[in-house]
Every structure is written in structure tokens, then in C-alpha cells.
Amino acid sequence: MLGEYLPILLFLAVSTVVGVALLVLGNLLGPQRPESEKLSPYECGFEAFEDARMQFDVRYYLIAILFIAFDLEIAFVFPWAVIFRSLGVTGLYEMGIFLGLLVLGFIYVWKKGALEWE
């Protein structure tokens, strides 16, 4: 029974060896030219100017959540588009309702001013 796990263990062993070998080769053969700019902390193109625990405006998180919500729509629209012909008119109506609800949500968010960045 344990013999059935041999391919999985072999795969894990080979992938671990390849991963470690690539990391070691990259460190050995790659260019090593440390400069002060390369070693300095980098965040979003700005110099580090305050404590790492500074507070962000809540609008930042609101925009991020809205992006995720509207971006996930693609996760539903793409598979629907792939099998569109086999769904028929019922599938078209269902996707129309789904997209209509998303548009209503977008209009609500727009009217509330959540998309305004000051």
C-alpha cells in the first residue's frame, strides 16, 4: 500500500532538489554588486519616512475591497462565456441578472462617493 505513494515522494524529492539547486546556482553565478540604493528598503517608490505601523486611511481598504468584488466578476463571466452556446436563453437571462446586480452595486458605490479619492 505504501508503494502507491512512491511517485508522490519521488516528485516531492525531485522538486525539492531542483528548487534548492536553482537557488544555490542563482546565488553562486548571479552578479553580486551590493550598493547602498539596492540595500535600502523600498516601498511603492517612496522613501521610508515613518514607522512601519502607521495607519492607513479607511478609503484605501474600501477601494481594495471594491476592486476584489468587481474583479471576481470575471471568475464567473469567463466560464459562462466558454459554455455560452450550451446554456441557451436561460443562461443569458441568469447572467443578465448577475451583471445587472453588479451594475446596481457599482451605481450605489458611485453615488455614495466611495470611488472618490481626495
PDB file of N, CA and C in Angstrom:
ATOM      1  N   MET A   1       0.824  -1.189   0.000  1.00  0.00           N
ATOM      2  CA  MET A   1       0.000   0.000   0.000  1.00  0.00           C
ATOM      3  C   MET A   1       0.872   1.258   0.000  1.00  0.00           C
ATOM      4  N   LEU A   2       1.992   1.235   0.728  1.00  0.00           N
ATOM      5  CA  LEU A   2       2.871   2.394   0.738  1.00  0.00           C
ATOM      6  C   LEU A   2       3.556   2.606  -0.609  1.00  0.00           C
ATOM      7  N   GLY A   3       3.619   1.560  -1.416  1.00  0.00           N
ATOM      8  CA  GLY A   3       4.214   1.673  -2.738  1.00  0.00           C
ATOM      9  C   GLY A   3       3.455   2.616  -3.652  1.00  0.00           C
ATOM     10  N   GLU A   4       2.174   2.838  -3.370  1.00  0.00           N
ATOM     11  CA  GLU A   4       1.377   3.759  -4.179  1.00  0.00           C
ATOM     12  C   GLU A   4       1.804   5.208  -3.965  1.00  0.00           C
ATOM     13  N   TYR A   5       2.439   5.482  -2.831  1.00  0.00           N
ATOM     14  CA  TYR A   5       2.887   6.842  -2.541  1.00  0.00           C
ATOM     15  C   TYR A   5       4.286   7.122  -3.070  1.00  0.00           C
ATOM     16  N   LEU A   6       4.950   6.134  -3.620  1.00  0.00           N
ATOM     17  CA  LEU A   6       6.304   6.310  -4.138  1.00  0.00           C
ATOM     18  C   LEU A   6       6.388   7.391  -5.220  1.00  0.00           C
ATOM     19  N   PRO A   7       5.473   7.452  -6.200  1.00  0.00           N
ATOM     20  CA  PRO A   7       5.566   8.543  -7.198  1.00  0.00           C
ATOM     21  C   PRO A   7       5.427   9.932  -6.567  1.00  0.00           C
ATOM     22  N   ILE A   8       4.585  10.055  -5.549  1.00  0.00           N
ATOM     23  CA  ILE A   8       4.412  11.356  -4.894  1.00  0.00           C
ATOM     24  C   ILE A   8       5.688  11.742  -4.158  1.00  0.00           C
ATOM     25  N   LEU A   9       6.268  10.788  -3.433  1.00  0.00           N
ATOM     26  CA  LEU A   9       7.509  11.065  -2.716  1.00  0.00           C
ATOM     27  C   LEU A   9       8.641  11.373  -3.682  1.00  0.00           C
ATOM     28  N   LEU A  10       8.696  10.676  -4.797  1.00  0.00           N
ATOM     29  CA  LEU A  10       9.711  10.940  -5.813  1.00  0.00           C
ATOM     30  C   LEU A  10       9.534  12.335  -6.404  1.00  0.00           C
ATOM     31  N   PHE A  11       8.304  12.706  -6.673  1.00  0.00           N
ATOM     32  CA  PHE A  11       8.015  14.048  -7.189  1.00  0.00           C
ATOM     33  C   PHE A  11       8.438  15.113  -6.190  1.00  0.00           C
ATOM     34  N   LEU A  12       8.109  14.936  -4.915  1.00  0.00           N
ATOM     35  CA  LEU A  12       8.495  15.905  -3.895  1.00  0.00           C
ATOM     36  C   LEU A  12      10.014  15.998  -3.760  1.00  0.00           C
ATOM     37  N   ALA A  13      10.697  14.864  -3.809  1.00  0.00           N
ATOM     38  CA  ALA A  13      12.152  14.866  -3.685  1.00  0.00           C
ATOM     39  C   ALA A  13      12.802  15.581  -4.867  1.00  0.00           C
ATOM     40  N   VAL A  14      12.356  15.268  -6.076  1.00  0.00           N
ATOM     41  CA  VAL A  14      12.938  15.894  -7.268  1.00  0.00           C
ATOM     42  C   VAL A  14      12.640  17.388  -7.280  1.00  0.00           C
ATOM     43  N   SER A  15      11.441  17.779  -6.947  1.00  0.00           N
ATOM     44  CA  SER A  15      11.104  19.202  -6.956  1.00  0.00           C
ATOM     45  C   SER A  15      11.882  19.962  -5.883  1.00  0.00           C
ATOM     46  N   THR A  16      12.114  19.346  -4.737  1.00  0.00           N
ATOM     47  CA  THR A  16      12.914  19.989  -3.695  1.00  0.00           C
ATOM     48  C   THR A  16      14.359  20.153  -4.151  1.00  0.00           C
ATOM     49  N   VAL A  17      14.929  19.111  -4.761  1.00  0.00           N
ATOM     50  CA  VAL A  17      16.311  19.188  -5.242  1.00  0.00           C
ATOM     51  C   VAL A  17      16.438  20.254  -6.332  1.00  0.00           C
ATOM     52  N   VAL A  18      15.507  20.288  -7.258  1.00  0.00           N
ATOM     53  CA  VAL A  18      15.567  21.284  -8.336  1.00  0.00           C
ATOM     54  C   VAL A  18      15.423  22.695  -7.768  1.00  0.00           C
ATOM     55  N   GLY A  19      14.496  22.898  -6.836  1.00  0.00           N
ATOM     56  CA  GLY A  19      14.304  24.215  -6.242  1.00  0.00           C
ATOM     57  C   GLY A  19      15.534  24.698  -5.497  1.00  0.00           C
ATOM     58  N   VAL A  20      16.112  23.840  -4.668  1.00  0.00           N
ATOM     59  CA  VAL A  20      17.316  24.216  -3.919  1.00  0.00           C
ATOM     60  C   VAL A  20      18.481  24.439  -4.871  1.00  0.00           C
ATOM     61  N   ALA A  21      18.619  23.599  -5.881  1.00  0.00           N
ATOM     62  CA  ALA A  21      19.711  23.761  -6.847  1.00  0.00           C
ATOM     63  C   ALA A  21      19.605  25.088  -7.587  1.00  0.00           C
ATOM     64  N   LEU A  22      18.414  25.482  -7.977  1.00  0.00           N
ATOM     65  CA  LEU A  22      18.246  26.760  -8.676  1.00  0.00           C
ATOM     66  C   LEU A  22      18.570  27.942  -7.771  1.00  0.00           C
ATOM     67  N   LEU A  23      18.176  27.865  -6.515  1.00  0.00           N
ATOM     68  CA  LEU A  23      18.506  28.943  -5.577  1.00  0.00           C
ATOM     69  C   LEU A  23      20.014  29.043  -5.356  1.00  0.00           C
ATOM     70  N   VAL A  24      20.656  27.905  -5.178  1.00  0.00           N
ATOM     71  CA  VAL A  24      22.106  27.911  -4.953  1.00  0.00           C
ATOM     72  C   VAL A  24      22.839  28.405  -6.192  1.00  0.00           C
ATOM     73  N   LEU A  25      22.455  27.937  -7.376  1.00  0.00           N
ATOM     74  CA  LEU A  25      23.102  28.392  -8.609  1.00  0.00           C
ATOM     75  C   LEU A  25      22.890  29.888  -8.835  1.00  0.00           C
ATOM     76  N   GLY A  26      21.720  30.377  -8.515  1.00  0.00           N
ATOM     77  CA  GLY A  26      21.466  31.809  -8.666  1.00  0.00           C
ATOM     78  C   GLY A  26      22.336  32.642  -7.753  1.00  0.00           C
ATOM     79  N   ASN A  27      22.536  32.168  -6.522  1.00  0.00           N
ATOM     80  CA  ASN A  27      23.393  32.903  -5.597  1.00  0.00           C
ATOM     81  C   ASN A  27      24.865  32.795  -5.974  1.00  0.00           C
ATOM     82  N   LEU A  28      25.280  31.665  -6.505  1.00  0.00           N
ATOM     83  CA  LEU A  28      26.690  31.488  -6.864  1.00  0.00           C
ATOM     84  C   LEU A  28      27.051  32.173  -8.176  1.00  0.00           C
ATOM     85  N   LEU A  29      26.207  32.063  -9.179  1.00  0.00           N
ATOM     86  CA  LEU A  29      26.531  32.568 -10.508  1.00  0.00           C
ATOM     87  C   LEU A  29      25.994  33.966 -10.795  1.00  0.00           C
ATOM     88  N   GLY A  30      25.061  34.427  -9.992  1.00  0.00           N
ATOM     89  CA  GLY A  30      24.460  35.738 -10.229  1.00  0.00           C
ATOM     90  C   GLY A  30      25.404  36.866  -9.862  1.00  0.00           C
ATOM     91  N   PRO A  31      25.168  38.057 -10.423  1.00  0.00           N
ATOM     92  CA  PRO A  31      26.036  39.200 -10.111  1.00  0.00           C
ATOM     93  C   PRO A  31      25.871  39.620  -8.651  1.00  0.00           C
ATOM     94  N   GLN A  32      26.987  39.922  -8.014  1.00  0.00           N
ATOM     95  CA  GLN A  32      26.991  40.348  -6.616  1.00  0.00           C
ATOM     96  C   GLN A  32      27.570  41.757  -6.543  1.00  0.00           C
ATOM     97  N   ARG A  33      26.736  42.772  -6.733  1.00  0.00           N
ATOM     98  CA  ARG A  33      27.190  44.149  -6.673  1.00  0.00           C
ATOM     99  C   ARG A  33      26.312  44.931  -5.702  1.00  0.00           C
ATOM    100  N   PRO A  34      26.479  44.733  -4.408  1.00  0.00           N
ATOM    101  CA  PRO A  34      25.626  45.461  -3.451  1.00  0.00           C
ATOM    102  C   PRO A  34      25.971  46.952  -3.438  1.00  0.00           C
ATOM    103  N   GLU A  35      24.962  47.770  -3.520  1.00  0.00           N
ATOM    104  CA  GLU A  35      25.107  49.219  -3.435  1.00  0.00           C
ATOM    105  C   GLU A  35      24.170  49.718  -2.343  1.00  0.00           C
ATOM    106  N   SER A  36      24.360  50.937  -1.936  1.00  0.00           N
ATOM    107  CA  SER A  36      23.515  51.469  -0.864  1.00  0.00           C
ATOM    108  C   SER A  36      22.056  51.573  -1.316  1.00  0.00           C
ATOM    109  N   GLU A  37      21.832  51.903  -2.584  1.00  0.00           N
ATOM    110  CA  GLU A  37      20.457  52.008  -3.076  1.00  0.00           C
ATOM    111  C   GLU A  37      19.781  50.650  -3.175  1.00  0.00           C
ATOM    112  N   LYS A  38      20.547  49.628  -3.574  1.00  0.00           N
ATOM    113  CA  LYS A  38      19.972  48.293  -3.679  1.00  0.00           C
ATOM    114  C   LYS A  38      19.666  47.704  -2.316  1.00  0.00           C
ATOM    115  N   LEU A  39      20.432  48.060  -1.314  1.00  0.00           N
ATOM    116  CA  LEU A  39      20.241  47.514   0.017  1.00  0.00           C
ATOM    117  C   LEU A  39      19.245  48.306   0.848  1.00  0.00           C
ATOM    118  N   SER A  40      18.825  49.466   0.361  1.00  0.00           N
ATOM    119  CA  SER A  40      17.879  50.287   1.124  1.00  0.00           C
ATOM    120  C   SER A  40      16.470  49.725   0.993  1.00  0.00           C
ATOM    121  N   PRO A  41      15.622  49.935   2.006  1.00  0.00           N
ATOM    122  CA  PRO A  41      14.239  49.444   1.912  1.00  0.00           C
ATOM    123  C   PRO A  41      13.472  50.208   0.836  1.00  0.00           C
ATOM    124  N   TYR A  42      12.643  49.491   0.122  1.00  0.00           N
ATOM    125  CA  TYR A  42      11.888  50.073  -0.989  1.00  0.00           C
ATOM    126  C   TYR A  42      10.420  49.746  -0.782  1.00  0.00           C
ATOM    127  N   GLU A  43       9.590  50.768  -0.868  1.00  0.00           N
ATOM    128  CA  GLU A  43       8.157  50.535  -0.722  1.00  0.00           C
ATOM    129  C   GLU A  43       7.403  51.516  -1.607  1.00  0.00           C
ATOM    130  N   CYS A  44       6.831  51.021  -2.659  1.00  0.00           N
ATOM    131  CA  CYS A  44       5.946  51.804  -3.534  1.00  0.00           C
ATOM    132  C   CYS A  44       6.635  53.023  -4.144  1.00  0.00           C
ATOM    133  N   GLY A  45       7.934  52.995  -4.301  1.00  0.00           N
ATOM    134  CA  GLY A  45       8.619  54.115  -4.913  1.00  0.00           C
ATOM    135  C   GLY A  45       8.881  55.272  -3.987  1.00  0.00           C
ATOM    136  N   PHE A  46       8.490  55.182  -2.729  1.00  0.00           N
ATOM    137  CA  PHE A  46       8.695  56.251  -1.765  1.00  0.00           C
ATOM    138  C   PHE A  46       9.781  55.856  -0.776  1.00  0.00           C
ATOM    139  N   GLU A  47      10.491  56.850  -0.290  1.00  0.00           N
ATOM    140  CA  GLU A  47      11.464  56.599   0.770  1.00  0.00           C
ATOM    141  C   GLU A  47      10.709  56.244   2.050  1.00  0.00           C
ATOM    142  N   ALA A  48      11.310  55.381   2.842  1.00  0.00           N
ATOM    143  CA  ALA A  48      10.709  55.055   4.138  1.00  0.00           C
ATOM    144  C   ALA A  48      10.812  56.296   5.015  1.00  0.00           C
ATOM    145  N   PHE A  49       9.667  56.826   5.450  1.00  0.00           N
ATOM    146  CA  PHE A  49       9.689  58.089   6.163  1.00  0.00           C
ATOM    147  C   PHE A  49       9.058  58.019   7.546  1.00  0.00           C
ATOM    148  N   GLU A  50       8.381  56.953   7.868  1.00  0.00           N
ATOM    149  CA  GLU A  50       7.741  56.863   9.173  1.00  0.00           C
ATOM    150  C   GLU A  50       7.816  55.433   9.682  1.00  0.00           C
ATOM    151  N   ASP A  51       7.152  55.225  10.780  1.00  0.00           N
ATOM    152  CA  ASP A  51       7.099  53.901  11.384  1.00  0.00           C
ATOM    153  C   ASP A  51       6.331  52.950  10.463  1.00  0.00           C
ATOM    154  N   ALA A  52       6.712  51.702  10.462  1.00  0.00           N
ATOM    155  CA  ALA A  52       6.053  50.705   9.621  1.00  0.00           C
ATOM    156  C   ALA A  52       4.622  50.456  10.068  1.00  0.00           C
ATOM    157  N   ARG A  53       4.279  50.860  11.271  1.00  0.00           N
ATOM    158  CA  ARG A  53       2.932  50.625  11.798  1.00  0.00           C
ATOM    159  C   ARG A  53       2.021  51.849  11.655  1.00  0.00           C
ATOM    160  N   MET A  54       2.325  52.715  10.700  1.00  0.00           N
ATOM    161  CA  MET A  54       1.480  53.898  10.523  1.00  0.00           C
ATOM    162  C   MET A  54       0.096  53.483  10.009  1.00  0.00           C
ATOM    163  N   GLN A  55      -0.896  54.278  10.329  1.00  0.00           N
ATOM    164  CA  GLN A  55      -2.264  53.947   9.966  1.00  0.00           C
ATOM    165  C   GLN A  55      -2.565  54.426   8.550  1.00  0.00           C
ATOM    166  N   PHE A  56      -3.347  53.613   7.853  1.00  0.00           N
ATOM    167  CA  PHE A  56      -3.804  53.969   6.517  1.00  0.00           C
ATOM    168  C   PHE A  56      -5.228  54.484   6.602  1.00  0.00           C
ATOM    169  N   ASP A  57      -5.585  55.282   5.638  1.00  0.00           N
ATOM    170  CA  ASP A  57      -6.952  55.771   5.564  1.00  0.00           C
ATOM    171  C   ASP A  57      -7.889  54.607   5.223  1.00  0.00           C
ATOM    172  N   VAL A  58      -9.073  54.622   5.794  1.00  0.00           N
ATOM    173  CA  VAL A  58     -10.017  53.524   5.578  1.00  0.00           C
ATOM    174  C   VAL A  58     -10.445  53.443   4.117  1.00  0.00           C
ATOM    175  N   ARG A  59     -10.336  54.541   3.385  1.00  0.00           N
ATOM    176  CA  ARG A  59     -10.716  54.524   1.966  1.00  0.00           C
ATOM    177  C   ARG A  59      -9.804  53.614   1.153  1.00  0.00           C
ATOM    178  N   TYR A  60      -8.564  53.475   1.587  1.00  0.00           N
ATOM    179  CA  TYR A  60      -7.642  52.561   0.905  1.00  0.00           C
ATOM    180  C   TYR A  60      -8.206  51.139   0.937  1.00  0.00           C
ATOM    181  N   TYR A  61      -8.654  50.711   2.104  1.00  0.00           N
ATOM    182  CA  TYR A  61      -9.204  49.361   2.241  1.00  0.00           C
ATOM    183  C   TYR A  61     -10.535  49.234   1.496  1.00  0.00           C
ATOM    184  N   LEU A  62     -11.325  50.289   1.482  1.00  0.00           N
ATOM    185  CA  LEU A  62     -12.593  50.261   0.764  1.00  0.00           C
ATOM    186  C   LEU A  62     -12.364  50.073  -0.728  1.00  0.00           C
ATOM    187  N   ILE A  63     -11.403  50.789  -1.278  1.00  0.00           N
ATOM    188  CA  ILE A  63     -11.084  50.642  -2.700  1.00  0.00           C
ATOM    189  C   ILE A  63     -10.570  49.230  -2.975  1.00  0.00           C
ATOM    190  N   ALA A  64      -9.753  48.687  -2.077  1.00  0.00           N
ATOM    191  CA  ALA A  64      -9.233  47.329  -2.271  1.00  0.00           C
ATOM    192  C   ALA A  64     -10.362  46.304  -2.257  1.00  0.00           C
ATOM    193  N   ILE A  65     -11.309  46.443  -1.343  1.00  0.00           N
ATOM    194  CA  ILE A  65     -12.433  45.504  -1.265  1.00  0.00           C
ATOM    195  C   ILE A  65     -13.321  45.633  -2.498  1.00  0.00           C
ATOM    196  N   LEU A  66     -13.542  46.859  -2.949  1.00  0.00           N
ATOM    197  CA  LEU A  66     -14.354  47.054  -4.151  1.00  0.00           C
ATOM    198  C   LEU A  66     -13.668  46.459  -5.372  1.00  0.00           C
ATOM    199  N   PHE A  67     -12.352  46.618  -5.456  1.00  0.00           N
ATOM    200  CA  PHE A  67     -11.622  46.018  -6.573  1.00  0.00           C
ATOM    201  C   PHE A  67     -11.787  44.502  -6.570  1.00  0.00           C
ATOM    202  N   ILE A  68     -11.647  43.894  -5.413  1.00  0.00           N
ATOM    203  CA  ILE A  68     -11.784  42.437  -5.329  1.00  0.00           C
ATOM    204  C   ILE A  68     -13.193  42.012  -5.710  1.00  0.00           C
ATOM    205  N   ALA A  69     -14.188  42.733  -5.219  1.00  0.00           N
ATOM    206  CA  ALA A  69     -15.583  42.365  -5.511  1.00  0.00           C
ATOM    207  C   ALA A  69     -15.871  42.443  -7.005  1.00  0.00           C
ATOM    208  N   PHE A  70     -15.442  43.512  -7.661  1.00  0.00           N
ATOM    209  CA  PHE A  70     -15.731  43.658  -9.080  1.00  0.00           C
ATOM    210  C   PHE A  70     -14.775  42.831  -9.934  1.00  0.00           C
ATOM    211  N   ASP A  71     -13.603  42.516  -9.419  1.00  0.00           N
ATOM    212  CA  ASP A  71     -12.677  41.683 -10.170  1.00  0.00           C
ATOM    213  C   ASP A  71     -13.112  40.223 -10.145  1.00  0.00           C
ATOM    214  N   LEU A  72     -13.749  39.797  -9.081  1.00  0.00           N
ATOM    215  CA  LEU A  72     -14.230  38.420  -9.000  1.00  0.00           C
ATOM    216  C   LEU A  72     -15.348  38.140  -9.993  1.00  0.00           C
ATOM    217  N   GLU A  73     -15.932  39.187 -10.508  1.00  0.00           N
ATOM    218  CA  GLU A  73     -16.969  39.002 -11.528  1.00  0.00           C
ATOM    219  C   GLU A  73     -16.412  38.238 -12.729  1.00  0.00           C
ATOM    220  N   ILE A  74     -15.148  38.450 -13.045  1.00  0.00           N
ATOM    221  CA  ILE A  74     -14.524  37.744 -14.164  1.00  0.00           C
ATOM    222  C   ILE A  74     -14.482  36.249 -13.901  1.00  0.00           C
ATOM    223  N   ALA A  75     -14.340  35.865 -12.638  1.00  0.00           N
ATOM    224  CA  ALA A  75     -14.303  34.441 -12.303  1.00  0.00           C
ATOM    225  C   ALA A  75     -15.622  33.758 -12.650  1.00  0.00           C
ATOM    226  N   PHE A  76     -16.691  34.507 -12.712  1.00  0.00           N
ATOM    227  CA  PHE A  76     -17.990  33.943 -13.065  1.00  0.00           C
ATOM    228  C   PHE A  76     -18.322  34.150 -14.545  1.00  0.00           C
ATOM    229  N   VAL A  77     -17.865  35.244 -15.116  1.00  0.00           N
ATOM    230  CA  VAL A  77     -18.208  35.553 -16.507  1.00  0.00           C
ATOM    231  C   VAL A  77     -17.409  34.694 -17.489  1.00  0.00           C
ATOM    232  N   PHE A  78     -16.141  34.428 -17.203  1.00  0.00           N
ATOM    233  CA  PHE A  78     -15.325  33.671 -18.146  1.00  0.00           C
ATOM    234  C   PHE A  78     -15.844  32.248 -18.363  1.00  0.00           C
ATOM    235  N   PRO A  79     -16.111  31.458 -17.316  1.00  0.00           N
ATOM    236  CA  PRO A  79     -16.646  30.115 -17.579  1.00  0.00           C
ATOM    237  C   PRO A  79     -18.006  30.163 -18.271  1.00  0.00           C
ATOM    238  N   TRP A  80     -18.799  31.170 -17.952  1.00  0.00           N
ATOM    239  CA  TRP A  80     -20.098  31.322 -18.611  1.00  0.00           C
ATOM    240  C   TRP A  80     -19.908  31.556 -20.104  1.00  0.00           C
ATOM    241  N   ALA A  81     -18.916  32.380 -20.452  1.00  0.00           N
ATOM    242  CA  ALA A  81     -18.674  32.676 -21.863  1.00  0.00           C
ATOM    243  C   ALA A  81     -18.166  31.443 -22.611  1.00  0.00           C
ATOM    244  N   VAL A  82     -17.456  30.567 -21.928  1.00  0.00           N
ATOM    245  CA  VAL A  82     -16.918  29.373 -22.575  1.00  0.00           C
ATOM    246  C   VAL A  82     -18.041  28.422 -22.979  1.00  0.00           C
ATOM    247  N   ILE A  83     -19.061  28.280 -22.131  1.00  0.00           N
ATOM    248  CA  ILE A  83     -20.159  27.343 -22.429  1.00  0.00           C
ATOM    249  C   ILE A  83     -21.448  28.068 -22.774  1.00  0.00           C
ATOM    250  N   PHE A  84     -21.319  29.284 -23.296  1.00  0.00           N
ATOM    251  CA  PHE A  84     -22.488  30.115 -23.566  1.00  0.00           C
ATOM    252  C   PHE A  84     -23.490  29.444 -24.499  1.00  0.00           C
ATOM    253  N   ARG A  85     -23.027  28.803 -25.541  1.00  0.00           N
ATOM    254  CA  ARG A  85     -23.943  28.212 -26.535  1.00  0.00           C
ATOM    255  C   ARG A  85     -24.781  27.087 -25.945  1.00  0.00           C
ATOM    256  N   SER A  86     -24.233  26.324 -25.021  1.00  0.00           N
ATOM    257  CA  SER A  86     -24.997  25.202 -24.467  1.00  0.00           C
ATOM    258  C   SER A  86     -25.982  25.644 -23.389  1.00  0.00           C
ATOM    259  N   LEU A  87     -25.868  26.852 -22.866  1.00  0.00           N
ATOM    260  CA  LEU A  87     -26.772  27.319 -21.808  1.00  0.00           C
ATOM    261  C   LEU A  87     -28.105  27.800 -22.352  1.00  0.00           C
ATOM    262  N   GLY A  88     -28.081  28.348 -23.532  1.00  0.00           N
ATOM    263  CA  GLY A  88     -29.327  28.822 -24.134  1.00  0.00           C
ATOM    264  C   GLY A  88     -29.784  30.147 -23.551  1.00  0.00           C
ATOM    265  N   VAL A  89     -31.062  30.412 -23.725  1.00  0.00           N
ATOM    266  CA  VAL A  89     -31.638  31.684 -23.301  1.00  0.00           C
ATOM    267  C   VAL A  89     -31.674  31.794 -21.776  1.00  0.00           C
ATOM    268  N   THR A  90     -31.875  30.683 -21.091  1.00  0.00           N
ATOM    269  CA  THR A  90     -31.926  30.712 -19.621  1.00  0.00           C
ATOM    270  C   THR A  90     -30.594  31.191 -19.055  1.00  0.00           C
ATOM    271  N   GLY A  91     -29.495  30.697 -19.601  1.00  0.00           N
ATOM    272  CA  GLY A  91     -28.172  31.134 -19.156  1.00  0.00           C
ATOM    273  C   GLY A  91     -27.939  32.606 -19.426  1.00  0.00           C
ATOM    274  N   LEU A  92     -28.471  33.094 -20.551  1.00  0.00           N
ATOM    275  CA  LEU A  92     -28.340  34.507 -20.882  1.00  0.00           C
ATOM    276  C   LEU A  92     -29.094  35.369 -19.877  1.00  0.00           C
ATOM    277  N   TYR A  93     -30.303  34.958 -19.515  1.00  0.00           N
ATOM    278  CA  TYR A  93     -31.091  35.707 -18.527  1.00  0.00           C
ATOM    279  C   TYR A  93     -30.416  35.697 -17.157  1.00  0.00           C
ATOM    280  N   GLU A  94     -29.908  34.542 -16.766  1.00  0.00           N
ATOM    281  CA  GLU A  94     -29.251  34.456 -15.459  1.00  0.00           C
ATOM    282  C   GLU A  94     -28.020  35.347 -15.393  1.00  0.00           C
ATOM    283  N   MET A  95     -27.211  35.359 -16.456  1.00  0.00           N
ATOM    284  CA  MET A  95     -26.033  36.222 -16.456  1.00  0.00           C
ATOM    285  C   MET A  95     -26.441  37.684 -16.538  1.00  0.00           C
ATOM    286  N   GLY A  96     -27.518  37.970 -17.226  1.00  0.00           N
ATOM    287  CA  GLY A  96     -28.020  39.345 -17.262  1.00  0.00           C
ATOM    288  C   GLY A  96     -28.432  39.829 -15.883  1.00  0.00           C
ATOM    289  N   ILE A  97     -29.089  38.967 -15.112  1.00  0.00           N
ATOM    290  CA  ILE A  97     -29.468  39.323 -13.740  1.00  0.00           C
ATOM    291  C   ILE A  97     -28.214  39.539 -12.889  1.00  0.00           C
ATOM    292  N   PHE A  98     -27.233  38.642 -13.026  1.00  0.00           N
ATOM    293  CA  PHE A  98     -25.990  38.763 -12.263  1.00  0.00           C
ATOM    294  C   PHE A  98     -25.276  40.074 -12.582  1.00  0.00           C
ATOM    295  N   LEU A  99     -25.109  40.369 -13.868  1.00  0.00           N
ATOM    296  CA  LEU A  99     -24.434  41.604 -14.255  1.00  0.00           C
ATOM    297  C   LEU A  99     -25.258  42.835 -13.892  1.00  0.00           C
ATOM    298  N   GLY A 100     -26.575  42.712 -13.947  1.00  0.00           N
ATOM    299  CA  GLY A 100     -27.430  43.821 -13.525  1.00  0.00           C
ATOM    300  C   GLY A 100     -27.249  44.143 -12.049  1.00  0.00           C
ATOM    301  N   LEU A 101     -27.157  43.112 -11.219  1.00  0.00           N
ATOM    302  CA  LEU A 101     -26.915  43.340  -9.795  1.00  0.00           C
ATOM    303  C   LEU A 101     -25.550  43.981  -9.561  1.00  0.00           C
ATOM    304  N   LEU A 102     -24.563  43.571 -10.334  1.00  0.00           N
ATOM    305  CA  LEU A 102     -23.252  44.200 -10.206  1.00  0.00           C
ATOM    306  C   LEU A 102     -23.288  45.666 -10.616  1.00  0.00           C
ATOM    307  N   VAL A 103     -24.021  45.966 -11.673  1.00  0.00           N
ATOM    308  CA  VAL A 103     -24.146  47.360 -12.104  1.00  0.00           C
ATOM    309  C   VAL A 103     -24.879  48.179 -11.048  1.00  0.00           C
ATOM    310  N   LEU A 104     -25.919  47.618 -10.449  1.00  0.00           N
ATOM    311  CA  LEU A 104     -26.614  48.326  -9.373  1.00  0.00           C
ATOM    312  C   LEU A 104     -25.678  48.581  -8.188  1.00  0.00           C
ATOM    313  N   GLY A 105     -24.878  47.601  -7.843  1.00  0.00           N
ATOM    314  CA  GLY A 105     -23.901  47.792  -6.775  1.00  0.00           C
ATOM    315  C   GLY A 105     -22.883  48.864  -7.123  1.00  0.00           C
ATOM    316  N   PHE A 106     -22.424  48.871  -8.372  1.00  0.00           N
ATOM    317  CA  PHE A 106     -21.480  49.889  -8.813  1.00  0.00           C
ATOM    318  C   PHE A 106     -22.099  51.280  -8.747  1.00  0.00           C
ATOM    319  N   ILE A 107     -23.348  51.417  -9.175  1.00  0.00           N
ATOM    320  CA  ILE A 107     -24.033  52.713  -9.110  1.00  0.00           C
ATOM    321  C   ILE A 107     -24.201  53.160  -7.665  1.00  0.00           C
ATOM    322  N   TYR A 108     -24.544  52.233  -6.780  1.00  0.00           N
ATOM    323  CA  TYR A 108     -24.694  52.563  -5.359  1.00  0.00           C
ATOM    324  C   TYR A 108     -23.376  53.071  -4.782  1.00  0.00           C
ATOM    325  N   VAL A 109     -22.287  52.375  -5.083  1.00  0.00           N
ATOM    326  CA  VAL A 109     -20.978  52.770  -4.568  1.00  0.00           C
ATOM    327  C   VAL A 109     -20.570  54.118  -5.146  1.00  0.00           C
ATOM    328  N   TRP A 110     -20.875  54.338  -6.405  1.00  0.00           N
ATOM    329  CA  TRP A 110     -20.537  55.598  -7.053  1.00  0.00           C
ATOM    330  C   TRP A 110     -21.313  56.757  -6.424  1.00  0.00           C
ATOM    331  N   LYS A 111     -22.618  56.554  -6.202  1.00  0.00           N
ATOM    332  CA  LYS A 111     -23.449  57.609  -5.606  1.00  0.00           C
ATOM    333  C   LYS A 111     -23.033  57.922  -4.170  1.00  0.00           C
ATOM    334  N   LYS A 112     -22.556  56.911  -3.440  1.00  0.00           N
ATOM    335  CA  LYS A 112     -22.112  57.126  -2.063  1.00  0.00           C
ATOM    336  C   LYS A 112     -20.770  57.849  -2.005  1.00  0.00           C
ATOM    337  N   GLY A 113     -20.085  57.953  -3.146  1.00  0.00           N
ATOM    338  CA  GLY A 113     -18.801  58.653  -3.187  1.00  0.00           C
ATOM    339  C   GLY A 113     -17.632  57.787  -2.769  1.00  0.00           C
ATOM    340  N   ALA A 114     -17.808  56.481  -2.758  1.00  0.00           N
ATOM    341  CA  ALA A 114     -16.727  55.599  -2.327  1.00  0.00           C
ATOM    342  C   ALA A 114     -15.604  55.526  -3.346  1.00  0.00           C
ATOM    343  N   LEU A 115     -15.858  55.923  -4.578  1.00  0.00           N
ATOM    344  CA  LEU A 115     -14.829  55.879  -5.604  1.00  0.00           C
ATOM    345  C   LEU A 115     -14.047  57.183  -5.714  1.00  0.00           C
ATOM    346  N   GLU A 116     -14.411  58.188  -4.926  1.00  0.00           N
ATOM    347  CA  GLU A 116     -13.717  59.465  -4.939  1.00  0.00           C
ATOM    348  C   GLU A 116     -12.453  59.352  -4.096  1.00  0.00           C
ATOM    349  N   TRP A 117     -11.337  59.764  -4.677  1.00  0.00           N
ATOM    350  CA  TRP A 117     -10.070  59.748  -3.959  1.00  0.00           C
ATOM    351  C   TRP A 117      -9.572  61.168  -3.849  1.00  0.00           C
ATOM    352  N   GLU A 118      -9.493  61.669  -2.627  1.00  0.00           N
ATOM    353  CA  GLU A 118      -9.116  63.079  -2.422  1.00  0.00           C
ATOM    354  C   GLU A 118      -7.645  63.236  -2.200  1.00  0.00           C
TER     355      GLU A 118
END
